[in-house]
Amino acid sequence: MEFKDYYQILGVDKSASQDDVKKAYRKLARRYHPDVSKEPEADQRMAEVNEAYAVLGDAEKRAAYDTVGAQAWARGARSGDDVRPPPGWNTGYEFSDGAGHGDADAFRAQFGGDSGDFSEFFEQMFGRAQAGRRTHAAGGGAQAQMRGEDHHARIELELIDAYKGAERHITLRGARLDEGGRVVPEERTLQVKIPRGVKEGQLIRLAGQGSPGAGGGPAGDLLLEVRFRPDPRWQIDGRDVTQRLRVTPWEAALGAGVPVTTPDGGEVEVTVPAGSGGGRKLRLKGRGIPSASAPGDLYLALDIAVPGAVTDAQKAAWSALAAAYPGFDPRRA
């Protein structure tokens, strides 16, 4: 994926104030706007300038972009180089819905155009809004009553939180402008109640934790998008969970009851049917992520654990096993 150096595109220094960023954008917009520009490829250049300002023109998005960009700049990367944001880079970053226009849907509303106007880098970093803007004005008067903007953030939870519910202290990273108009990172910590049965992609709404309202209007909400922390023990699909279960060759061949620790920390004994092969899945109905209406299932994918042959007795046992299966060829289709 091509890295986009938005500072280079706008022609500003990385320490530029937000006012300097805005001035640079307006200057380039007058130069490349398709309605007035005679320069070649003005449409493409205008799209790049709009995209750069969509990020750098908003303190929250700029702070997040600087986190990813710092790693690329340290390697000497410039626009066009192959760079990918690390997985989960934006977990814990707090973004607002409104004038920051730092996601694809809001950018579209601000500058027009369709999905082809956004680079892969932009979409990979900021994606699309989880919810539309919810800022509303009411009444006349000197200052109209206006609801505050909603904020969005992605959080990572442990799978056991979905099984049992939990209360977690969540630290969110955002940004504000100092007196000189420069971006200053800031953090806040909230205590969040995680409902039992939450699944990946679900939004947890914290009422009144978004931007404050204007003219006596209510504050916006904070919407937390749930992601599960990557864990090699489990694969998650909706409410279904797949877990690897290692068994011995004789347990798989002869059948056996084996103890299993489930994702919720409990233990059950599972019957491995005789003649099972590696990759076979055993279904434990209703033992996936819980739900009052339709809980998920837990699937146990069998792995055959083959012990080594170290002692003379072990080598003799494997030789006897081979002799018991003359002509057996596992590579034959």
C-alpha atoms as a PDB file:
ATOM      1  CA  MET A   1       0.000   0.000   0.000  1.00  0.00           C
ATOM      2  CA  GLU A   2       1.340   3.426  -0.939  1.00  0.00           C
ATOM      3  CA  PHE A   3       2.203   5.637   2.019  1.00  0.00           C
ATOM      4  CA  LYS A   4       0.750   9.141   1.862  1.00  0.00           C
ATOM      5  CA  ASP A   5       2.949  11.880   3.321  1.00  0.00           C
ATOM      6  CA  TYR A   6       0.213  14.436   3.885  1.00  0.00           C
ATOM      7  CA  TYR A   7       2.680  17.053   5.127  1.00  0.00           C
ATOM      8  CA  GLN A   8       4.609  16.770   1.871  1.00  0.00           C
ATOM      9  CA  ILE A   9       1.387  16.995  -0.162  1.00  0.00           C
ATOM     10  CA  LEU A  10       0.329  20.226   1.568  1.00  0.00           C
ATOM     11  CA  GLY A  11       3.869  21.575   1.654  1.00  0.00           C
ATOM     12  CA  VAL A  12       3.941  22.229   5.396  1.00  0.00           C
ATOM     13  CA  ASP A  13       6.326  21.254   8.168  1.00  0.00           C
ATOM     14  CA  LYS A  14       5.342  18.555  10.639  1.00  0.00           C
ATOM     15  CA  SER A  15       5.357  21.183  13.392  1.00  0.00           C
ATOM     16  CA  ALA A  16       2.984  23.498  11.487  1.00  0.00           C
ATOM     17  CA  SER A  17       0.048  24.961  13.397  1.00  0.00           C
ATOM     18  CA  GLN A  18      -3.509  24.139  12.385  1.00  0.00           C
ATOM     19  CA  ASP A  19      -3.831  27.671  11.019  1.00  0.00           C
ATOM     20  CA  ASP A  20      -0.767  27.085   8.803  1.00  0.00           C
ATOM     21  CA  VAL A  21      -2.301  23.824   7.572  1.00  0.00           C
ATOM     22  CA  LYS A  22      -5.548  25.584   6.685  1.00  0.00           C
ATOM     23  CA  LYS A  23      -3.721  28.366   4.822  1.00  0.00           C
ATOM     24  CA  ALA A  24      -1.680  25.835   2.830  1.00  0.00           C
ATOM     25  CA  TYR A  25      -4.833  23.920   1.915  1.00  0.00           C
ATOM     26  CA  ARG A  26      -6.669  27.033   0.715  1.00  0.00           C
ATOM     27  CA  LYS A  27      -3.696  28.088  -1.391  1.00  0.00           C
ATOM     28  CA  LEU A  28      -3.478  24.690  -3.093  1.00  0.00           C
ATOM     29  CA  ALA A  29      -7.259  24.468  -3.493  1.00  0.00           C
ATOM     30  CA  ARG A  30      -7.253  27.729  -5.446  1.00  0.00           C
ATOM     31  CA  ARG A  31      -4.438  26.376  -7.598  1.00  0.00           C
ATOM     32  CA  TYR A  32      -5.838  22.933  -8.406  1.00  0.00           C
ATOM     33  CA  HIS A  33      -9.613  23.292  -8.231  1.00  0.00           C
ATOM     34  CA  PRO A  34     -10.903  21.665 -11.441  1.00  0.00           C
ATOM     35  CA  ASP A  35     -13.266  24.567 -12.171  1.00  0.00           C
ATOM     36  CA  VAL A  36     -10.409  27.069 -12.513  1.00  0.00           C
ATOM     37  CA  SER A  37      -7.140  25.156 -12.883  1.00  0.00           C
ATOM     38  CA  LYS A  38      -5.416  24.784 -16.247  1.00  0.00           C
ATOM     39  CA  GLU A  39      -2.682  22.540 -14.863  1.00  0.00           C
ATOM     40  CA  PRO A  40      -2.433  18.922 -16.042  1.00  0.00           C
ATOM     41  CA  GLU A  41      -3.926  16.297 -13.725  1.00  0.00           C
ATOM     42  CA  ALA A  42      -5.562  18.997 -11.602  1.00  0.00           C
ATOM     43  CA  ASP A  43      -8.353  16.593 -10.580  1.00  0.00           C
ATOM     44  CA  GLN A  44      -5.865  14.093  -9.165  1.00  0.00           C
ATOM     45  CA  ARG A  45      -3.848  16.759  -7.363  1.00  0.00           C
ATOM     46  CA  MET A  46      -7.012  18.278  -5.878  1.00  0.00           C
ATOM     47  CA  ALA A  47      -8.107  14.873  -4.589  1.00  0.00           C
ATOM     48  CA  GLU A  48      -4.710  14.406  -2.899  1.00  0.00           C
ATOM     49  CA  VAL A  49      -4.876  17.876  -1.354  1.00  0.00           C
ATOM     50  CA  ASN A  50      -8.420  17.291  -0.077  1.00  0.00           C
ATOM     51  CA  GLU A  51      -7.412  13.968   1.436  1.00  0.00           C
ATOM     52  CA  ALA A  52      -4.359  15.467   3.128  1.00  0.00           C
ATOM     53  CA  TYR A  53      -6.438  18.253   4.646  1.00  0.00           C
ATOM     54  CA  ALA A  54      -9.121  15.782   5.742  1.00  0.00           C
ATOM     55  CA  VAL A  55      -6.472  14.294   8.037  1.00  0.00           C
ATOM     56  CA  LEU A  56      -4.168  17.173   8.981  1.00  0.00           C
ATOM     57  CA  GLY A  57      -7.052  19.636   9.306  1.00  0.00           C
ATOM     58  CA  ASP A  58      -8.409  17.721  12.293  1.00  0.00           C
ATOM     59  CA  ALA A  59      -6.377  17.545  15.513  1.00  0.00           C
ATOM     60  CA  GLU A  60      -7.567  14.023  16.439  1.00  0.00           C
ATOM     61  CA  LYS A  61      -6.863  12.478  13.039  1.00  0.00           C
ATOM     62  CA  ARG A  62      -3.572  14.324  12.742  1.00  0.00           C
ATOM     63  CA  ALA A  63      -2.353  12.977  16.093  1.00  0.00           C
ATOM     64  CA  ALA A  64      -3.262   9.426  15.064  1.00  0.00           C
ATOM     65  CA  TYR A  65      -1.650   9.841  11.641  1.00  0.00           C
ATOM     66  CA  ASP A  66       1.549  11.150  13.255  1.00  0.00           C
ATOM     67  CA  THR A  67       1.808   7.929  15.274  1.00  0.00           C
ATOM     68  CA  VAL A  68       1.895   5.804  12.114  1.00  0.00           C
ATOM     69  CA  GLY A  69       3.843   8.356  10.104  1.00  0.00           C
ATOM     70  CA  ALA A  70       6.633   8.604  12.680  1.00  0.00           C
ATOM     71  CA  GLN A  71       7.618   4.994  11.995  1.00  0.00           C
ATOM     72  CA  ALA A  72       7.565   5.551   8.239  1.00  0.00           C
ATOM     73  CA  TRP A  73       9.503   8.836   8.390  1.00  0.00           C
ATOM     74  CA  ALA A  74      12.125   7.184  10.597  1.00  0.00           C
ATOM     75  CA  ARG A  75      12.750   4.751   7.735  1.00  0.00           C
ATOM     76  CA  GLY A  76      12.922   7.607   5.247  1.00  0.00           C
ATOM     77  CA  ALA A  77       9.566   6.808   3.653  1.00  0.00           C
ATOM     78  CA  ARG A  78       7.871   9.355   1.404  1.00  0.00           C
ATOM     79  CA  SER A  79       4.613   9.409  -0.531  1.00  0.00           C
ATOM     80  CA  GLY A  80       4.367   6.412  -2.849  1.00  0.00           C
ATOM     81  CA  ASP A  81       6.515   4.055  -0.754  1.00  0.00           C
ATOM     82  CA  ASP A  82       5.030   0.737   0.336  1.00  0.00           C
ATOM     83  CA  VAL A  83       3.929   1.162   3.977  1.00  0.00           C
ATOM     84  CA  ARG A  84       1.131  -0.446   5.956  1.00  0.00           C
ATOM     85  CA  PRO A  85      -0.223   0.657   9.320  1.00  0.00           C
ATOM     86  CA  PRO A  86       0.481  -2.057  11.910  1.00  0.00           C
ATOM     87  CA  PRO A  87      -2.542  -4.204  12.866  1.00  0.00           C
ATOM     88  CA  GLY A  88      -4.660  -2.567  15.537  1.00  0.00           C
ATOM     89  CA  TRP A  89      -2.732   0.710  15.276  1.00  0.00           C
ATOM     90  CA  ASN A  90      -5.830   2.828  15.950  1.00  0.00           C
ATOM     91  CA  THR A  91      -7.099   0.920  18.984  1.00  0.00           C
ATOM     92  CA  GLY A  92      -7.780   3.385  21.772  1.00  0.00           C
ATOM     93  CA  TYR A  93      -7.858   6.500  19.573  1.00  0.00           C
ATOM     94  CA  GLU A  94     -10.876   8.723  20.059  1.00  0.00           C
ATOM     95  CA  PHE A  95     -12.345  10.447  16.994  1.00  0.00           C
ATOM     96  CA  SER A  96     -15.269  12.873  16.734  1.00  0.00           C
ATOM     97  CA  ASP A  97     -17.957  12.843  14.033  1.00  0.00           C
ATOM     98  CA  GLY A  98     -18.030  16.445  13.058  1.00  0.00           C
ATOM     99  CA  ALA A  99     -15.902  19.066  11.377  1.00  0.00           C
ATOM    100  CA  GLY A 100     -12.769  16.949  11.598  1.00  0.00           C
ATOM    101  CA  HIS A 101     -14.122  14.984   8.594  1.00  0.00           C
ATOM    102  CA  GLY A 102     -11.460  12.393   9.311  1.00  0.00           C
ATOM    103  CA  ASP A 103     -13.318   9.360   7.976  1.00  0.00           C
ATOM    104  CA  ALA A 104     -14.368   8.512   4.464  1.00  0.00           C
ATOM    105  CA  ASP A 105     -18.100   9.208   4.852  1.00  0.00           C
ATOM    106  CA  ALA A 106     -17.598  12.610   6.473  1.00  0.00           C
ATOM    107  CA  PHE A 107     -14.852  13.449   3.981  1.00  0.00           C
ATOM    108  CA  ARG A 108     -17.314  12.657   1.209  1.00  0.00           C
ATOM    109  CA  ALA A 109     -19.852  15.018   2.763  1.00  0.00           C
ATOM    110  CA  GLN A 110     -17.247  17.773   3.106  1.00  0.00           C
ATOM    111  CA  PHE A 111     -15.585  17.544  -0.307  1.00  0.00           C
ATOM    112  CA  GLY A 112     -17.966  15.468  -2.451  1.00  0.00           C
ATOM    113  CA  GLY A 113     -16.986  12.581  -4.690  1.00  0.00           C
ATOM    114  CA  ASP A 114     -17.221   8.829  -4.407  1.00  0.00           C
ATOM    115  CA  SER A 115     -15.094   6.063  -2.912  1.00  0.00           C
ATOM    116  CA  GLY A 116     -12.640   6.323  -5.783  1.00  0.00           C
ATOM    117  CA  ASP A 117     -11.493   9.685  -4.384  1.00  0.00           C
ATOM    118  CA  PHE A 118      -9.884   8.042  -1.357  1.00  0.00           C
ATOM    119  CA  SER A 119      -6.550   6.283  -1.385  1.00  0.00           C
ATOM    120  CA  GLU A 120      -6.156   2.785  -0.021  1.00  0.00           C
ATOM    121  CA  PHE A 121      -3.912   4.272   2.663  1.00  0.00           C
ATOM    122  CA  PHE A 122      -6.689   6.634   3.812  1.00  0.00           C
ATOM    123  CA  GLU A 123      -9.321   3.877   3.902  1.00  0.00           C
ATOM    124  CA  GLN A 124      -6.955   1.500   5.730  1.00  0.00           C
ATOM    125  CA  MET A 125      -6.217   4.069   8.413  1.00  0.00           C
ATOM    126  CA  PHE A 126      -9.589   5.665   9.020  1.00  0.00           C
ATOM    127  CA  GLY A 127     -12.150   3.382   7.352  1.00  0.00           C
ATOM    128  CA  ARG A 128     -15.749   4.512   7.254  1.00  0.00           C
ATOM    129  CA  ALA A 129     -17.903   6.059   9.932  1.00  0.00           C
ATOM    130  CA  GLN A 130     -19.701   3.613  12.224  1.00  0.00           C
ATOM    131  CA  ALA A 131     -22.580   6.033  12.505  1.00  0.00           C
ATOM    132  CA  GLY A 132     -23.683   9.159  10.729  1.00  0.00           C
ATOM    133  CA  ARG A 133     -23.335  12.610  12.162  1.00  0.00           C
ATOM    134  CA  ARG A 134     -25.866  13.217  14.884  1.00  0.00           C
ATOM    135  CA  THR A 135     -25.452  16.929  15.524  1.00  0.00           C
ATOM    136  CA  HIS A 136     -28.816  18.685  15.543  1.00  0.00           C
ATOM    137  CA  ALA A 137     -29.815  22.313  16.001  1.00  0.00           C
ATOM    138  CA  ALA A 138     -33.128  23.498  17.398  1.00  0.00           C
ATOM    139  CA  GLY A 139     -34.789  26.840  17.923  1.00  0.00           C
ATOM    140  CA  GLY A 140     -33.717  30.357  16.947  1.00  0.00           C
ATOM    141  CA  GLY A 141     -32.399  32.890  19.421  1.00  0.00           C
ATOM    142  CA  ALA A 142     -28.906  34.257  19.726  1.00  0.00           C
ATOM    143  CA  GLN A 143     -27.421  30.784  20.062  1.00  0.00           C
ATOM    144  CA  ALA A 144     -29.287  27.777  18.708  1.00  0.00           C
ATOM    145  CA  GLN A 145     -29.423  24.736  20.930  1.00  0.00           C
ATOM    146  CA  MET A 146     -27.171  22.110  19.440  1.00  0.00           C
ATOM    147  CA  ARG A 147     -26.421  18.534  20.422  1.00  0.00           C
ATOM    148  CA  GLY A 148     -22.742  17.741  20.830  1.00  0.00           C
ATOM    149  CA  GLU A 149     -20.887  15.543  18.358  1.00  0.00           C
ATOM    150  CA  ASP A 150     -20.605  11.830  18.975  1.00  0.00           C
ATOM    151  CA  HIS A 151     -17.137  10.360  19.441  1.00  0.00           C
ATOM    152  CA  HIS A 152     -15.917   6.961  18.250  1.00  0.00           C
ATOM    153  CA  ALA A 153     -13.110   4.741  19.486  1.00  0.00           C
ATOM    154  CA  ARG A 154     -12.037   1.135  18.989  1.00  0.00           C
ATOM    155  CA  ILE A 155     -11.201  -0.915  22.069  1.00  0.00           C
ATOM    156  CA  GLU A 156      -9.668  -4.369  22.518  1.00  0.00           C
ATOM    157  CA  LEU A 157     -11.165  -6.853  24.967  1.00  0.00           C
ATOM    158  CA  GLU A 158     -10.259 -10.341  26.103  1.00  0.00           C
ATOM    159  CA  LEU A 159     -12.579 -13.097  24.912  1.00  0.00           C
ATOM    160  CA  ILE A 160     -13.455 -13.982  28.505  1.00  0.00           C
ATOM    161  CA  ASP A 161     -14.988 -10.493  28.868  1.00  0.00           C
ATOM    162  CA  ALA A 162     -17.627 -11.522  26.328  1.00  0.00           C
ATOM    163  CA  TYR A 163     -18.359 -14.732  28.242  1.00  0.00           C
ATOM    164  CA  LYS A 164     -18.700 -13.217  31.697  1.00  0.00           C
ATOM    165  CA  GLY A 165     -19.048  -9.462  31.279  1.00  0.00           C
ATOM    166  CA  ALA A 166     -16.645  -7.120  33.023  1.00  0.00           C
ATOM    167  CA  GLU A 167     -15.811  -3.609  34.136  1.00  0.00           C
ATOM    168  CA  ARG A 168     -12.675  -2.202  32.565  1.00  0.00           C
ATOM    169  CA  HIS A 169     -10.726   1.032  32.800  1.00  0.00           C
ATOM    170  CA  ILE A 170     -10.276   2.172  29.193  1.00  0.00           C
ATOM    171  CA  THR A 171      -7.676   4.795  28.292  1.00  0.00           C
ATOM    172  CA  LEU A 172      -8.496   6.754  25.125  1.00  0.00           C
ATOM    173  CA  ARG A 173      -6.042   8.902  23.206  1.00  0.00           C
ATOM    174  CA  GLY A 174      -7.182  12.106  21.550  1.00  0.00           C
ATOM    175  CA  ALA A 175      -5.814  15.558  20.838  1.00  0.00           C
ATOM    176  CA  ARG A 176      -6.524  19.245  21.340  1.00  0.00           C
ATOM    177  CA  LEU A 177      -5.081  22.512  20.102  1.00  0.00           C
ATOM    178  CA  ASP A 178      -2.858  24.599  22.366  1.00  0.00           C
ATOM    179  CA  GLU A 179      -2.881  28.401  22.444  1.00  0.00           C
ATOM    180  CA  GLY A 180      -0.544  28.465  19.443  1.00  0.00           C
ATOM    181  CA  GLY A 181      -2.867  26.283  17.357  1.00  0.00           C
ATOM    182  CA  ARG A 182      -0.597  23.239  17.531  1.00  0.00           C
ATOM    183  CA  VAL A 183      -1.747  19.695  18.148  1.00  0.00           C
ATOM    184  CA  VAL A 184      -1.257  18.459  21.714  1.00  0.00           C
ATOM    185  CA  PRO A 185      -1.987  14.791  22.502  1.00  0.00           C
ATOM    186  CA  GLU A 186      -4.205  14.115  25.499  1.00  0.00           C
ATOM    187  CA  GLU A 187      -5.685  11.070  27.203  1.00  0.00           C
ATOM    188  CA  ARG A 188      -8.684  10.284  29.355  1.00  0.00           C
ATOM    189  CA  THR A 189      -9.579   7.153  31.309  1.00  0.00           C
ATOM    190  CA  LEU A 190     -13.141   5.880  31.652  1.00  0.00           C
ATOM    191  CA  GLN A 191     -14.628   2.990  33.588  1.00  0.00           C
ATOM    192  CA  VAL A 192     -16.677   0.967  31.121  1.00  0.00           C
ATOM    193  CA  LYS A 193     -19.147  -1.809  31.839  1.00  0.00           C
ATOM    194  CA  ILE A 194     -18.717  -4.595  29.289  1.00  0.00           C
ATOM    195  CA  PRO A 195     -22.024  -6.443  28.825  1.00  0.00           C
ATOM    196  CA  ARG A 196     -22.004 -10.232  28.862  1.00  0.00           C
ATOM    197  CA  GLY A 197     -22.399 -11.564  25.320  1.00  0.00           C
ATOM    198  CA  VAL A 198     -20.775  -8.629  23.533  1.00  0.00           C
ATOM    199  CA  LYS A 199     -19.395  -9.622  20.130  1.00  0.00           C
ATOM    200  CA  GLU A 200     -16.797  -8.213  17.762  1.00  0.00           C
ATOM    201  CA  GLY A 201     -17.930  -5.117  15.914  1.00  0.00           C
ATOM    202  CA  GLN A 202     -20.640  -4.309  18.454  1.00  0.00           C
ATOM    203  CA  LEU A 203     -20.891  -0.706  19.673  1.00  0.00           C
ATOM    204  CA  ILE A 204     -21.023   0.101  23.373  1.00  0.00           C
ATOM    205  CA  ARG A 205     -22.668   3.494  23.843  1.00  0.00           C
ATOM    206  CA  LEU A 206     -21.632   5.765  26.721  1.00  0.00           C
ATOM    207  CA  ALA A 207     -24.254   8.502  26.895  1.00  0.00           C
ATOM    208  CA  GLY A 208     -22.979  12.046  27.323  1.00  0.00           C
ATOM    209  CA  GLN A 209     -19.291  11.195  26.867  1.00  0.00           C
ATOM    210  CA  GLY A 210     -18.930  12.868  23.467  1.00  0.00           C
ATOM    211  CA  SER A 211     -18.472  16.558  22.755  1.00  0.00           C
ATOM    212  CA  PRO A 212     -20.418  19.041  24.929  1.00  0.00           C
ATOM    213  CA  GLY A 213     -23.533  20.602  23.427  1.00  0.00           C
ATOM    214  CA  ALA A 214     -23.982  24.275  22.573  1.00  0.00           C
ATOM    215  CA  GLY A 215     -26.674  26.650  23.737  1.00  0.00           C
ATOM    216  CA  GLY A 216     -27.779  24.298  26.485  1.00  0.00           C
ATOM    217  CA  GLY A 217     -27.973  21.286  24.147  1.00  0.00           C
ATOM    218  CA  PRO A 218     -27.093  17.799  25.403  1.00  0.00           C
ATOM    219  CA  ALA A 219     -23.634  16.312  25.047  1.00  0.00           C
ATOM    220  CA  GLY A 220     -22.941  13.732  22.360  1.00  0.00           C
ATOM    221  CA  ASP A 221     -22.266  10.076  23.060  1.00  0.00           C
ATOM    222  CA  LEU A 222     -19.117   7.984  22.948  1.00  0.00           C
ATOM    223  CA  LEU A 223     -19.410   4.827  20.807  1.00  0.00           C
ATOM    224  CA  LEU A 224     -16.865   2.125  21.562  1.00  0.00           C
ATOM    225  CA  GLU A 225     -16.368  -0.448  18.801  1.00  0.00           C
ATOM    226  CA  VAL A 226     -15.411  -3.835  20.240  1.00  0.00           C
ATOM    227  CA  ARG A 227     -12.472  -5.838  18.929  1.00  0.00           C
ATOM    228  CA  PHE A 228     -11.060  -8.950  20.585  1.00  0.00           C
ATOM    229  CA  ARG A 229      -7.361  -9.023  21.351  1.00  0.00           C
ATOM    230  CA  PRO A 230      -5.658 -11.506  18.969  1.00  0.00           C
ATOM    231  CA  ASP A 231      -5.021 -14.826  20.712  1.00  0.00           C
ATOM    232  CA  PRO A 232      -3.569 -17.916  18.997  1.00  0.00           C
ATOM    233  CA  ARG A 233      -5.801 -20.139  21.134  1.00  0.00           C
ATOM    234  CA  TRP A 234      -9.037 -19.051  19.468  1.00  0.00           C
ATOM    235  CA  GLN A 235     -10.634 -18.050  16.199  1.00  0.00           C
ATOM    236  CA  ILE A 236     -13.855 -16.043  16.460  1.00  0.00           C
ATOM    237  CA  ASP A 237     -16.634 -15.880  13.884  1.00  0.00           C
ATOM    238  CA  GLY A 238     -19.616 -13.900  15.142  1.00  0.00           C
ATOM    239  CA  ARG A 239     -20.579 -15.761  18.297  1.00  0.00           C
ATOM    240  CA  ASP A 240     -18.903 -19.030  17.292  1.00  0.00           C
ATOM    241  CA  VAL A 241     -15.459 -19.819  18.696  1.00  0.00           C
ATOM    242  CA  THR A 242     -12.970 -22.396  17.371  1.00  0.00           C
ATOM    243  CA  GLN A 243     -10.308 -23.785  19.695  1.00  0.00           C
ATOM    244  CA  ARG A 244      -7.517 -26.236  18.913  1.00  0.00           C
ATOM    245  CA  LEU A 245      -7.534 -29.505  20.884  1.00  0.00           C
ATOM    246  CA  ARG A 246      -4.365 -31.605  20.900  1.00  0.00           C
ATOM    247  CA  VAL A 247      -4.880 -35.367  21.224  1.00  0.00           C
ATOM    248  CA  THR A 248      -2.564 -38.373  21.066  1.00  0.00           C
ATOM    249  CA  PRO A 249      -2.584 -40.767  18.104  1.00  0.00           C
ATOM    250  CA  TRP A 250      -4.122 -43.490  20.265  1.00  0.00           C
ATOM    251  CA  GLU A 251      -6.848 -41.167  21.577  1.00  0.00           C
ATOM    252  CA  ALA A 252      -7.736 -40.269  17.988  1.00  0.00           C
ATOM    253  CA  ALA A 253      -7.601 -43.870  16.770  1.00  0.00           C
ATOM    254  CA  LEU A 254      -9.304 -45.621  19.691  1.00  0.00           C
ATOM    255  CA  GLY A 255     -11.498 -42.817  21.013  1.00  0.00           C
ATOM    256  CA  ALA A 256     -11.213 -41.293  24.479  1.00  0.00           C
ATOM    257  CA  GLY A 257     -12.649 -38.839  26.935  1.00  0.00           C
ATOM    258  CA  VAL A 258     -10.317 -35.842  27.279  1.00  0.00           C
ATOM    259  CA  PRO A 259     -10.526 -32.781  29.552  1.00  0.00           C
ATOM    260  CA  VAL A 260     -10.900 -29.385  27.866  1.00  0.00           C
ATOM    261  CA  THR A 261     -10.551 -25.912  29.338  1.00  0.00           C
ATOM    262  CA  THR A 262     -13.144 -23.735  27.602  1.00  0.00           C
ATOM    263  CA  PRO A 263     -12.696 -20.000  26.820  1.00  0.00           C
ATOM    264  CA  ASP A 264     -14.773 -19.027  29.874  1.00  0.00           C
ATOM    265  CA  GLY A 265     -12.241 -20.780  32.135  1.00  0.00           C
ATOM    266  CA  GLY A 266     -14.450 -23.796  32.848  1.00  0.00           C
ATOM    267  CA  GLU A 267     -13.571 -27.459  32.269  1.00  0.00           C
ATOM    268  CA  VAL A 268     -15.572 -30.121  30.466  1.00  0.00           C
ATOM    269  CA  GLU A 269     -14.816 -33.686  29.394  1.00  0.00           C
ATOM    270  CA  VAL A 270     -15.180 -34.220  25.664  1.00  0.00           C
ATOM    271  CA  THR A 271     -15.549 -37.549  23.898  1.00  0.00           C
ATOM    272  CA  VAL A 272     -13.172 -37.919  20.958  1.00  0.00           C
ATOM    273  CA  PRO A 273     -14.785 -40.450  18.607  1.00  0.00           C
ATOM    274  CA  ALA A 274     -12.692 -43.440  17.542  1.00  0.00           C
ATOM    275  CA  GLY A 275     -11.109 -43.028  14.129  1.00  0.00           C
ATOM    276  CA  SER A 276     -10.822 -39.248  14.342  1.00  0.00           C
ATOM    277  CA  GLY A 277      -8.292 -37.520  12.109  1.00  0.00           C
ATOM    278  CA  GLY A 278      -6.434 -34.266  12.423  1.00  0.00           C
ATOM    279  CA  GLY A 279      -8.628 -31.259  11.601  1.00  0.00           C
ATOM    280  CA  ARG A 280     -11.876 -32.924  12.632  1.00  0.00           C
ATOM    281  CA  LYS A 281     -14.151 -30.510  14.494  1.00  0.00           C
ATOM    282  CA  LEU A 282     -16.186 -31.432  17.538  1.00  0.00           C
ATOM    283  CA  ARG A 283     -19.133 -29.117  18.210  1.00  0.00           C
ATOM    284  CA  LEU A 284     -20.123 -28.071  21.715  1.00  0.00           C
ATOM    285  CA  LYS A 285     -23.505 -26.470  21.152  1.00  0.00           C
ATOM    286  CA  GLY A 286     -24.194 -23.229  22.979  1.00  0.00           C
ATOM    287  CA  ARG A 287     -20.703 -22.909  24.446  1.00  0.00           C
ATOM    288  CA  GLY A 288     -19.616 -20.053  22.207  1.00  0.00           C
ATOM    289  CA  ILE A 289     -20.168 -16.385  23.040  1.00  0.00           C
ATOM    290  CA  PRO A 290     -23.390 -16.250  25.086  1.00  0.00           C
ATOM    291  CA  SER A 291     -26.631 -14.607  24.029  1.00  0.00           C
ATOM    292  CA  ALA A 292     -30.116 -14.671  25.517  1.00  0.00           C
ATOM    293  CA  SER A 293     -31.628 -15.614  22.160  1.00  0.00           C
ATOM    294  CA  ALA A 294     -28.979 -17.513  20.154  1.00  0.00           C
ATOM    295  CA  PRO A 295     -25.650 -18.301  21.847  1.00  0.00           C
ATOM    296  CA  GLY A 296     -22.758 -19.333  19.642  1.00  0.00           C
ATOM    297  CA  ASP A 297     -21.107 -22.741  19.504  1.00  0.00           C
ATOM    298  CA  LEU A 298     -17.625 -23.843  20.534  1.00  0.00           C
ATOM    299  CA  TYR A 299     -15.779 -25.936  17.945  1.00  0.00           C
ATOM    300  CA  LEU A 300     -12.805 -28.081  18.940  1.00  0.00           C
ATOM    301  CA  ALA A 301     -10.454 -28.646  15.995  1.00  0.00           C
ATOM    302  CA  LEU A 302      -8.351 -31.751  16.598  1.00  0.00           C
ATOM    303  CA  ASP A 303      -4.566 -31.682  16.298  1.00  0.00           C
ATOM    304  CA  ILE A 304      -2.750 -35.014  16.439  1.00  0.00           C
ATOM    305  CA  ALA A 305       0.260 -34.645  18.755  1.00  0.00           C
ATOM    306  CA  VAL A 306       2.893 -37.197  17.676  1.00  0.00           C
ATOM    307  CA  PRO A 307       5.346 -38.120  20.442  1.00  0.00           C
ATOM    308  CA  GLY A 308       9.008 -38.577  19.592  1.00  0.00           C
ATOM    309  CA  ALA A 309      10.911 -41.870  19.635  1.00  0.00           C
ATOM    310  CA  VAL A 310      13.874 -41.469  21.970  1.00  0.00           C
ATOM    311  CA  THR A 311      14.263 -44.621  24.058  1.00  0.00           C
ATOM    312  CA  ASP A 312      14.712 -48.134  22.652  1.00  0.00           C
ATOM    313  CA  ALA A 313      11.230 -49.068  23.925  1.00  0.00           C
ATOM    314  CA  GLN A 314       9.655 -46.107  22.131  1.00  0.00           C
ATOM    315  CA  LYS A 315      11.434 -46.918  18.888  1.00  0.00           C
ATOM    316  CA  ALA A 316      10.343 -50.553  19.172  1.00  0.00           C
ATOM    317  CA  ALA A 317       6.733 -49.444  19.742  1.00  0.00           C
ATOM    318  CA  TRP A 318       6.752 -47.314  16.584  1.00  0.00           C
ATOM    319  CA  SER A 319       8.358 -50.160  14.617  1.00  0.00           C
ATOM    320  CA  ALA A 320       5.633 -52.510  15.815  1.00  0.00           C
ATOM    321  CA  LEU A 321       2.988 -49.997  14.788  1.00  0.00           C
ATOM    322  CA  ALA A 322       4.485 -49.744  11.301  1.00  0.00           C
ATOM    323  CA  ALA A 323       4.553 -53.536  11.025  1.00  0.00           C
ATOM    324  CA  ALA A 324       0.848 -53.659  11.988  1.00  0.00           C
ATOM    325  CA  TYR A 325      -0.059 -51.522   8.936  1.00  0.00           C
ATOM    326  CA  PRO A 326       1.680 -53.097   5.934  1.00  0.00           C
ATOM    327  CA  GLY A 327       1.036 -51.158   2.758  1.00  0.00           C
ATOM    328  CA  PHE A 328      -0.362 -48.091   4.520  1.00  0.00           C
ATOM    329  CA  ASP A 329       0.595 -44.993   2.480  1.00  0.00           C
ATOM    330  CA  PRO A 330      -0.644 -41.621   3.882  1.00  0.00           C
ATOM    331  CA  ARG A 331       0.514 -39.857   0.691  1.00  0.00           C
ATOM    332  CA  ARG A 332      -1.714 -41.858  -1.605  1.00  0.00           C
ATOM    333  CA  ALA A 333      -4.802 -39.920  -2.662  1.00  0.00           C
END
